[in-house]
PDB file of N, CA and C in Angstrom:
ATOM      1  N   MET A   1     -11.098  23.008  81.632  1.00  0.00           N
ATOM      2  CA  MET A   1     -11.427  22.010  81.952  1.00  0.00           C
ATOM      3  C   MET A   1     -11.706  21.048  80.683  1.00  0.00           C
ATOM      4  N   TYR A   2     -11.642  21.985  79.750  1.00  0.00           N
ATOM      5  CA  TYR A   2     -11.847  20.539  78.496  1.00  0.00           C
ATOM      6  C   TYR A   2     -10.580  20.439  78.343  1.00  0.00           C
ATOM      7  N   ILE A   3      -9.466  21.328  77.832  1.00  0.00           N
ATOM      8  CA  ILE A   3      -7.701  20.622  77.609  1.00  0.00           C
ATOM      9  C   ILE A   3      -7.312  19.998  78.702  1.00  0.00           C
ATOM     10  N   GLY A   4      -7.226  19.930  80.496  1.00  0.00           N
ATOM     11  CA  GLY A   4      -7.287  18.980  80.756  1.00  0.00           C
ATOM     12  C   GLY A   4      -7.809  17.355  80.848  1.00  0.00           C
ATOM     13  N   VAL A   5      -8.985  17.452  80.431  1.00  0.00           N
ATOM     14  CA  VAL A   5      -9.920  16.296  80.025  1.00  0.00           C
ATOM     15  C   VAL A   5      -9.470  15.657  79.092  1.00  0.00           C
ATOM     16  N   ASP A   6      -9.573  16.279  77.892  1.00  0.00           N
ATOM     17  CA  ASP A   6      -8.836  16.448  76.706  1.00  0.00           C
ATOM     18  C   ASP A   6      -7.543  15.336  76.828  1.00  0.00           C
ATOM     19  N   PHE A   7      -6.568  16.373  77.583  1.00  0.00           N
ATOM     20  CA  PHE A   7      -5.313  16.108  77.988  1.00  0.00           C
ATOM     21  C   PHE A   7      -5.001  14.282  78.654  1.00  0.00           C
ATOM     22  N   LEU A   8      -6.280  14.279  79.324  1.00  0.00           N
ATOM     23  CA  LEU A   8      -6.045  13.402  80.141  1.00  0.00           C
ATOM     24  C   LEU A   8      -6.179  11.664  79.338  1.00  0.00           C
ATOM     25  N   LEU A   9      -7.630  12.050  78.865  1.00  0.00           N
ATOM     26  CA  LEU A   9      -8.501  11.312  77.597  1.00  0.00           C
ATOM     27  C   LEU A   9      -7.491  11.070  76.320  1.00  0.00           C
ATOM     28  N   ASN A  10      -5.961  11.310  75.284  1.00  0.00           N
ATOM     29  CA  ASN A  10      -5.182  11.619  75.089  1.00  0.00           C
ATOM     30  C   ASN A  10      -3.890  11.000  75.370  1.00  0.00           C
ATOM     31  N   LEU A  11      -3.500  10.913  77.145  1.00  0.00           N
ATOM     32  CA  LEU A  11      -2.519  10.617  77.473  1.00  0.00           C
ATOM     33  C   LEU A  11      -2.886   9.091  77.787  1.00  0.00           C
ATOM     34  N   LEU A  12      -3.990   8.270  77.914  1.00  0.00           N
ATOM     35  CA  LEU A  12      -4.594   6.903  78.422  1.00  0.00           C
ATOM     36  C   LEU A  12      -4.968   6.119  76.853  1.00  0.00           C
ATOM     37  N   TYR A  13      -5.185   7.348  76.040  1.00  0.00           N
ATOM     38  CA  TYR A  13      -5.372   6.547  74.370  1.00  0.00           C
ATOM     39  C   TYR A  13      -3.728   6.082  74.377  1.00  0.00           C
ATOM     40  N   THR A  14      -3.265   7.111  74.512  1.00  0.00           N
ATOM     41  CA  THR A  14      -1.727   7.517  73.336  1.00  0.00           C
ATOM     42  C   THR A  14      -0.945   6.113  74.177  1.00  0.00           C
ATOM     43  N   LEU A  15      -0.727   6.211  75.793  1.00  0.00           N
ATOM     44  CA  LEU A  15       0.344   5.141  76.592  1.00  0.00           C
ATOM     45  C   LEU A  15      -0.269   4.253  76.682  1.00  0.00           C
ATOM     46  N   GLY A  16      -1.640   4.098  77.458  1.00  0.00           N
ATOM     47  CA  GLY A  16      -2.780   2.477  77.535  1.00  0.00           C
ATOM     48  C   GLY A  16      -3.079   2.101  76.366  1.00  0.00           C
ATOM     49  N   PHE A  17      -3.435   2.604  75.076  1.00  0.00           N
ATOM     50  CA  PHE A  17      -3.926   1.704  73.769  1.00  0.00           C
ATOM     51  C   PHE A  17      -2.745   1.271  72.992  1.00  0.00           C
ATOM     52  N   GLU A  18      -2.363   2.475  72.493  1.00  0.00           N
ATOM     53  CA  GLU A  18      -1.210   2.555  71.415  1.00  0.00           C
ATOM     54  C   GLU A  18      -0.469   2.062  71.498  1.00  0.00           C
ATOM     55  N   TYR A  19       0.349   2.485  72.611  1.00  0.00           N
ATOM     56  CA  TYR A  19       1.435   1.939  73.455  1.00  0.00           C
ATOM     57  C   TYR A  19       2.121   1.125  74.256  1.00  0.00           C
ATOM     58  N   TYR A  20       1.171   0.915  75.029  1.00  0.00           N
ATOM     59  CA  TYR A  20       1.790  -0.214  75.202  1.00  0.00           C
ATOM     60  C   TYR A  20       0.885  -1.755  74.590  1.00  0.00           C
ATOM     61  N   PHE A  21      -0.495  -1.451  74.741  1.00  0.00           N
ATOM     62  CA  PHE A  21      -1.431  -2.899  73.956  1.00  0.00           C
ATOM     63  C   PHE A  21      -1.119  -2.608  72.739  1.00  0.00           C
ATOM     64  N   LEU A  22      -1.231  -1.913  71.710  1.00  0.00           N
ATOM     65  CA  LEU A  22      -0.649  -2.445  70.285  1.00  0.00           C
ATOM     66  C   LEU A  22       0.599  -2.674  69.894  1.00  0.00           C
ATOM     67  N   GLY A  23       1.657  -1.970  70.604  1.00  0.00           N
ATOM     68  CA  GLY A  23       3.422  -1.634  70.923  1.00  0.00           C
ATOM     69  C   GLY A  23       3.663  -3.232  70.915  1.00  0.00           C
ATOM     70  N   SER A  24       3.213  -3.306  72.021  1.00  0.00           N
ATOM     71  CA  SER A  24       3.618  -5.199  72.301  1.00  0.00           C
ATOM     72  C   SER A  24       2.943  -6.342  71.229  1.00  0.00           C
ATOM     73  N   ARG A  25       2.519  -5.767  70.507  1.00  0.00           N
ATOM     74  CA  ARG A  25       1.741  -6.790  69.340  1.00  0.00           C
ATOM     75  C   ARG A  25       2.839  -6.652  68.250  1.00  0.00           C
ATOM     76  N   GLY A  26       3.436  -5.527  67.962  1.00  0.00           N
ATOM     77  CA  GLY A  26       3.733  -5.084  66.702  1.00  0.00           C
ATOM     78  C   GLY A  26       3.062  -4.266  65.831  1.00  0.00           C
ATOM     79  N   VAL A  27       2.098  -3.986  66.600  1.00  0.00           N
ATOM     80  CA  VAL A  27       0.999  -3.788  65.305  1.00  0.00           C
ATOM     81  C   VAL A  27       1.597  -1.604  65.515  1.00  0.00           C
ATOM     82  N   ILE A  28       1.794  -1.088  66.117  1.00  0.00           N
ATOM     83  CA  ILE A  28       2.291   0.240  65.771  1.00  0.00           C
ATOM     84  C   ILE A  28       3.672   0.407  66.211  1.00  0.00           C
ATOM     85  N   GLN A  29       4.842   0.855  66.540  1.00  0.00           N
ATOM     86  CA  GLN A  29       5.735   1.355  66.770  1.00  0.00           C
ATOM     87  C   GLN A  29       6.089   2.948  66.304  1.00  0.00           C
ATOM     88  N   PHE A  30       6.367   3.524  67.589  1.00  0.00           N
ATOM     89  CA  PHE A  30       6.996   4.814  66.928  1.00  0.00           C
ATOM     90  C   PHE A  30       7.910   4.854  66.894  1.00  0.00           C
ATOM     91  N   GLN A  31       8.519   5.944  65.708  1.00  0.00           N
ATOM     92  CA  GLN A  31       9.959   5.709  65.457  1.00  0.00           C
ATOM     93  C   GLN A  31      10.329   6.964  66.065  1.00  0.00           C
ATOM     94  N   ASN A  32       9.939   8.281  64.566  1.00  0.00           N
ATOM     95  CA  ASN A  32      10.397   9.491  65.162  1.00  0.00           C
ATOM     96  C   ASN A  32       9.739  10.623  66.156  1.00  0.00           C
ATOM     97  N   VAL A  33       8.500   9.631  66.623  1.00  0.00           N
ATOM     98  CA  VAL A  33       7.718  11.034  67.759  1.00  0.00           C
ATOM     99  C   VAL A  33       7.780  10.123  69.238  1.00  0.00           C
ATOM    100  N   SER A  34       8.147  10.641  70.234  1.00  0.00           N
ATOM    101  CA  SER A  34       7.983   9.835  71.185  1.00  0.00           C
ATOM    102  C   SER A  34       6.503   9.966  71.639  1.00  0.00           C
ATOM    103  N   ALA A  35       6.084   8.850  72.768  1.00  0.00           N
ATOM    104  CA  ALA A  35       4.174   8.539  72.817  1.00  0.00           C
ATOM    105  C   ALA A  35       4.009   9.633  73.824  1.00  0.00           C
ATOM    106  N   MET A  36       4.953  10.554  74.476  1.00  0.00           N
ATOM    107  CA  MET A  36       4.638  11.664  75.179  1.00  0.00           C
ATOM    108  C   MET A  36       3.808  12.954  73.887  1.00  0.00           C
ATOM    109  N   LEU A  37       5.147  12.794  72.987  1.00  0.00           N
ATOM    110  CA  LEU A  37       4.910  14.065  72.054  1.00  0.00           C
ATOM    111  C   LEU A  37       3.523  13.985  71.061  1.00  0.00           C
ATOM    112  N   ASP A  38       3.655  12.372  71.131  1.00  0.00           N
ATOM    113  CA  ASP A  38       2.018  12.105  70.173  1.00  0.00           C
ATOM    114  C   ASP A  38       0.713  12.995  71.428  1.00  0.00           C
ATOM    115  N   VAL A  39       1.176  12.600  72.623  1.00  0.00           N
ATOM    116  CA  VAL A  39       0.003  12.873  73.138  1.00  0.00           C
ATOM    117  C   VAL A  39       0.240  14.479  73.280  1.00  0.00           C
ATOM    118  N   PHE A  40       0.948  15.365  73.050  1.00  0.00           N
ATOM    119  CA  PHE A  40       1.423  16.977  73.127  1.00  0.00           C
ATOM    120  C   PHE A  40       0.522  17.315  71.611  1.00  0.00           C
ATOM    121  N   MET A  41       0.588  16.820  71.156  1.00  0.00           N
ATOM    122  CA  MET A  41       0.293  16.894  69.524  1.00  0.00           C
ATOM    123  C   MET A  41      -0.992  17.170  69.510  1.00  0.00           C
ATOM    124  N   THR A  42      -1.604  15.668  69.405  1.00  0.00           N
ATOM    125  CA  THR A  42      -2.993  15.525  69.924  1.00  0.00           C
ATOM    126  C   THR A  42      -3.792  16.656  70.347  1.00  0.00           C
ATOM    127  N   THR A  43      -3.030  16.736  71.719  1.00  0.00           N
ATOM    128  CA  THR A  43      -3.893  18.020  72.670  1.00  0.00           C
ATOM    129  C   THR A  43      -4.255  18.888  71.672  1.00  0.00           C
ATOM    130  N   ALA A  44      -2.958  19.498  71.359  1.00  0.00           N
ATOM    131  CA  ALA A  44      -3.121  20.561  70.647  1.00  0.00           C
ATOM    132  C   ALA A  44      -3.606  21.075  69.328  1.00  0.00           C
ATOM    133  N   LEU A  45      -4.125  20.312  69.005  1.00  0.00           N
ATOM    134  CA  LEU A  45      -4.995  19.298  67.572  1.00  0.00           C
ATOM    135  C   LEU A  45      -6.402  19.951  68.067  1.00  0.00           C
ATOM    136  N   GLY A  46      -6.696  18.920  69.252  1.00  0.00           N
ATOM    137  CA  GLY A  46      -7.723  19.116  69.724  1.00  0.00           C
ATOM    138  C   GLY A  46      -8.420  20.660  70.393  1.00  0.00           C
ATOM    139  N   VAL A  47      -7.260  21.346  70.683  1.00  0.00           N
ATOM    140  CA  VAL A  47      -7.739  22.448  71.299  1.00  0.00           C
ATOM    141  C   VAL A  47      -8.119  23.803  70.231  1.00  0.00           C
ATOM    142  N   ILE A  48      -7.143  22.934  68.694  1.00  0.00           N
ATOM    143  CA  ILE A  48      -7.301  23.606  67.931  1.00  0.00           C
ATOM    144  C   ILE A  48      -8.725  23.457  66.916  1.00  0.00           C
ATOM    145  N   ILE A  49      -9.620  22.681  67.116  1.00  0.00           N
ATOM    146  CA  ILE A  49     -10.696  22.370  66.587  1.00  0.00           C
ATOM    147  C   ILE A  49     -11.142  22.747  67.465  1.00  0.00           C
ATOM    148  N   TYR A  50     -11.340  22.734  68.914  1.00  0.00           N
ATOM    149  CA  TYR A  50     -12.330  23.161  69.772  1.00  0.00           C
ATOM    150  C   TYR A  50     -12.833  24.974  69.823  1.00  0.00           C
ATOM    151  N   ALA A  51     -11.616  25.668  69.535  1.00  0.00           N
ATOM    152  CA  ALA A  51     -11.553  26.623  69.170  1.00  0.00           C
ATOM    153  C   ALA A  51     -12.201  27.021  68.024  1.00  0.00           C
ATOM    154  N   TYR A  52     -11.923  26.715  66.702  1.00  0.00           N
ATOM    155  CA  TYR A  52     -12.479  26.618  65.532  1.00  0.00           C
ATOM    156  C   TYR A  52     -14.490  26.258  66.204  1.00  0.00           C
ATOM    157  N   GLN A  53     -14.515  25.514  66.651  1.00  0.00           N
ATOM    158  CA  GLN A  53     -16.290  25.070  66.760  1.00  0.00           C
ATOM    159  C   GLN A  53     -16.961  26.211  67.232  1.00  0.00           C
ATOM    160  N   ILE A  54     -15.892  27.022  68.290  1.00  0.00           N
ATOM    161  CA  ILE A  54     -16.574  28.034  69.249  1.00  0.00           C
ATOM    162  C   ILE A  54     -16.733  29.303  68.197  1.00  0.00           C
ATOM    163  N   TRP A  55     -15.850  29.359  68.134  1.00  0.00           N
ATOM    164  CA  TRP A  55     -16.002  30.503  66.798  1.00  0.00           C
ATOM    165  C   TRP A  55     -16.795  30.146  65.093  1.00  0.00           C
ATOM    166  N   GLN A  56     -17.232  28.825  64.790  1.00  0.00           N
ATOM    167  CA  GLN A  56     -18.094  28.578  63.699  1.00  0.00           C
ATOM    168  C   GLN A  56     -20.061  28.958  64.595  1.00  0.00           C
ATOM    169  N   GLU A  57     -19.608  28.528  66.102  1.00  0.00           N
ATOM    170  CA  GLU A  57     -21.320  28.631  66.520  1.00  0.00           C
ATOM    171  C   GLU A  57     -21.488  30.100  66.540  1.00  0.00           C
ATOM    172  N   GLY A  58     -20.528  31.126  66.458  1.00  0.00           N
ATOM    173  CA  GLY A  58     -20.852  32.323  67.025  1.00  0.00           C
ATOM    174  C   GLY A  58     -21.441  32.854  65.552  1.00  0.00           C
ATOM    175  N   ILE A  59     -20.832  32.149  64.168  1.00  0.00           N
ATOM    176  CA  ILE A  59     -21.684  32.812  62.984  1.00  0.00           C
ATOM    177  C   ILE A  59     -22.950  32.322  62.532  1.00  0.00           C
ATOM    178  N   PHE A  60     -23.622  31.873  63.593  1.00  0.00           N
ATOM    179  CA  PHE A  60     -25.332  31.350  63.099  1.00  0.00           C
ATOM    180  C   PHE A  60     -26.112  32.125  64.322  1.00  0.00           C
ATOM    181  N   VAL A  61     -27.068  32.168  63.788  1.00  0.00           N
ATOM    182  CA  VAL A  61     -28.167  33.101  64.571  1.00  0.00           C
ATOM    183  C   VAL A  61     -29.347  31.963  64.422  1.00  0.00           C
ATOM    184  N   ARG A  62     -30.412  31.922  65.687  1.00  0.00           N
ATOM    185  CA  ARG A  62     -31.344  31.252  65.782  1.00  0.00           C
ATOM    186  C   ARG A  62     -32.827  31.537  64.680  1.00  0.00           C
ATOM    187  N   SER A  63     -33.734  30.587  63.664  1.00  0.00           N
ATOM    188  CA  SER A  63     -33.852  31.564  63.363  1.00  0.00           C
ATOM    189  C   SER A  63     -35.652  31.582  63.925  1.00  0.00           C
ATOM    190  N   GLU A  64     -36.489  31.933  63.528  1.00  0.00           N
ATOM    191  CA  GLU A  64     -37.611  32.222  64.246  1.00  0.00           C
ATOM    192  C   GLU A  64     -38.671  31.092  64.528  1.00  0.00           C
ATOM    193  N   ALA A  65     -38.317  30.422  63.073  1.00  0.00           N
ATOM    194  CA  ALA A  65     -39.254  29.283  63.027  1.00  0.00           C
ATOM    195  C   ALA A  65     -39.127  28.052  63.553  1.00  0.00           C
ATOM    196  N   THR A  66     -39.604  27.303  64.142  1.00  0.00           N
ATOM    197  CA  THR A  66     -39.545  26.019  65.344  1.00  0.00           C
ATOM    198  C   THR A  66     -39.658  24.858  63.804  1.00  0.00           C
ATOM    199  N   HIS A  67     -38.587  23.919  64.261  1.00  0.00           N
ATOM    200  CA  HIS A  67     -38.154  22.616  63.836  1.00  0.00           C
ATOM    201  C   HIS A  67     -37.888  21.752  64.289  1.00  0.00           C
ATOM    202  N   SER A  68     -38.820  20.652  63.684  1.00  0.00           N
ATOM    203  CA  SER A  68     -38.878  19.095  64.899  1.00  0.00           C
ATOM    204  C   SER A  68     -36.777  19.010  65.021  1.00  0.00           C
ATOM    205  N   SER A  69     -35.521  19.378  63.958  1.00  0.00           N
ATOM    206  CA  SER A  69     -34.648  19.011  64.407  1.00  0.00           C
ATOM    207  C   SER A  69     -34.104  20.704  64.556  1.00  0.00           C
ATOM    208  N   ARG A  70     -33.039  20.109  65.392  1.00  0.00           N
ATOM    209  CA  ARG A  70     -32.779  21.552  66.476  1.00  0.00           C
ATOM    210  C   ARG A  70     -31.473  21.992  65.122  1.00  0.00           C
ATOM    211  N   SER A  71     -30.575  21.194  64.216  1.00  0.00           N
ATOM    212  CA  SER A  71     -30.340  21.638  63.363  1.00  0.00           C
ATOM    213  C   SER A  71     -30.667  22.345  62.659  1.00  0.00           C
ATOM    214  N   LEU A  72     -31.720  22.256  61.760  1.00  0.00           N
ATOM    215  CA  LEU A  72     -32.970  23.201  61.017  1.00  0.00           C
ATOM    216  C   LEU A  72     -33.334  24.603  61.359  1.00  0.00           C
ATOM    217  N   SER A  73     -32.895  24.609  62.350  1.00  0.00           N
ATOM    218  CA  SER A  73     -32.763  26.099  63.111  1.00  0.00           C
ATOM    219  C   SER A  73     -32.235  27.239  63.043  1.00  0.00           C
ATOM    220  N   LEU A  74     -31.205  26.882  62.845  1.00  0.00           N
ATOM    221  CA  LEU A  74     -29.750  27.182  62.550  1.00  0.00           C
ATOM    222  C   LEU A  74     -29.788  27.947  61.483  1.00  0.00           C
ATOM    223  N   GLN A  75     -29.382  29.147  60.625  1.00  0.00           N
ATOM    224  CA  GLN A  75     -29.419  30.481  59.638  1.00  0.00           C
ATOM    225  C   GLN A  75     -28.007  30.956  60.214  1.00  0.00           C
ATOM    226  N   PRO A  76     -27.615  31.473  58.615  1.00  0.00           N
ATOM    227  CA  PRO A  76     -26.798  32.415  58.655  1.00  0.00           C
ATOM    228  C   PRO A  76     -27.014  33.264  58.712  1.00  0.00           C
ATOM    229  N   ALA A  77     -26.049  33.910  59.978  1.00  0.00           N
ATOM    230  CA  ALA A  77     -26.442  35.289  60.563  1.00  0.00           C
ATOM    231  C   ALA A  77     -26.492  36.442  59.520  1.00  0.00           C
ATOM    232  N   LEU A  78     -25.706  35.882  58.057  1.00  0.00           N
ATOM    233  CA  LEU A  78     -25.836  37.202  56.995  1.00  0.00           C
ATOM    234  C   LEU A  78     -27.171  37.219  56.134  1.00  0.00           C
ATOM    235  N   LYS A  79     -27.735  38.048  55.971  1.00  0.00           N
ATOM    236  CA  LYS A  79     -29.117  38.134  55.443  1.00  0.00           C
ATOM    237  C   LYS A  79     -28.722  38.458  54.141  1.00  0.00           C
ATOM    238  N   PRO A  80     -29.685  37.612  53.397  1.00  0.00           N
ATOM    239  CA  PRO A  80     -30.028  37.548  51.627  1.00  0.00           C
ATOM    240  C   PRO A  80     -29.296  39.182  50.850  1.00  0.00           C
ATOM    241  N   PHE A  81     -28.790  38.415  49.728  1.00  0.00           N
ATOM    242  CA  PHE A  81     -28.638  39.649  48.845  1.00  0.00           C
ATOM    243  C   PHE A  81     -30.008  40.260  48.106  1.00  0.00           C
ATOM    244  N   ASN A  82     -30.297  41.094  48.271  1.00  0.00           N
ATOM    245  CA  ASN A  82     -31.884  41.601  47.564  1.00  0.00           C
ATOM    246  C   ASN A  82     -31.501  43.043  46.704  1.00  0.00           C
ATOM    247  N   ASN A  83     -31.733  42.636  45.150  1.00  0.00           N
ATOM    248  CA  ASN A  83     -31.519  44.051  44.415  1.00  0.00           C
ATOM    249  C   ASN A  83     -32.698  44.844  44.894  1.00  0.00           C
ATOM    250  N   GLU A  84     -33.622  45.379  45.260  1.00  0.00           N
ATOM    251  CA  GLU A  84     -34.356  46.056  45.099  1.00  0.00           C
ATOM    252  C   GLU A  84     -33.855  47.037  45.990  1.00  0.00           C
ATOM    253  N   GLU A  85     -33.110  46.524  46.952  1.00  0.00           N
ATOM    254  CA  GLU A  85     -32.739  47.734  48.177  1.00  0.00           C
ATOM    255  C   GLU A  85     -31.852  48.422  47.336  1.00  0.00           C
ATOM    256  N   ASP A  86     -30.618  47.575  46.244  1.00  0.00           N
ATOM    257  CA  ASP A  86     -29.501  48.715  46.379  1.00  0.00           C
ATOM    258  C   ASP A  86     -30.119  49.134  44.538  1.00  0.00           C
ATOM    259  N   THR A  87     -31.121  49.222  44.359  1.00  0.00           N
ATOM    260  CA  THR A  87     -31.663  49.966  43.196  1.00  0.00           C
ATOM    261  C   THR A  87     -32.341  51.179  43.501  1.00  0.00           C
ATOM    262  N   ASP A  88     -32.982  51.335  44.762  1.00  0.00           N
ATOM    263  CA  ASP A  88     -34.275  52.076  45.671  1.00  0.00           C
ATOM    264  C   ASP A  88     -32.691  53.189  45.592  1.00  0.00           C
ATOM    265  N   LYS A  89     -31.019  53.343  45.788  1.00  0.00           N
ATOM    266  CA  LYS A  89     -30.494  54.084  45.991  1.00  0.00           C
ATOM    267  C   LYS A  89     -30.118  55.053  45.091  1.00  0.00           C
TER     268      LYS A  89
END
């Protein structure tokens, strides 16, 4: 569903705004890339960014302490390095 909506919005933006609106005023001109290829490249970039976001959400764990801001309750999944644990062995 994400890819379909992203593709549709990229299509409307590229063809409607960039190609027709800005292109008819001489602000932008597609030379080596067609408008449809621009839509596909922008959609591919959106998929890569979305996959990166999903991957990054998996490396954080929720903290037990509650904060007024949601972002402050995220902590790195790795526990801090402690010298005392290494010297006991």
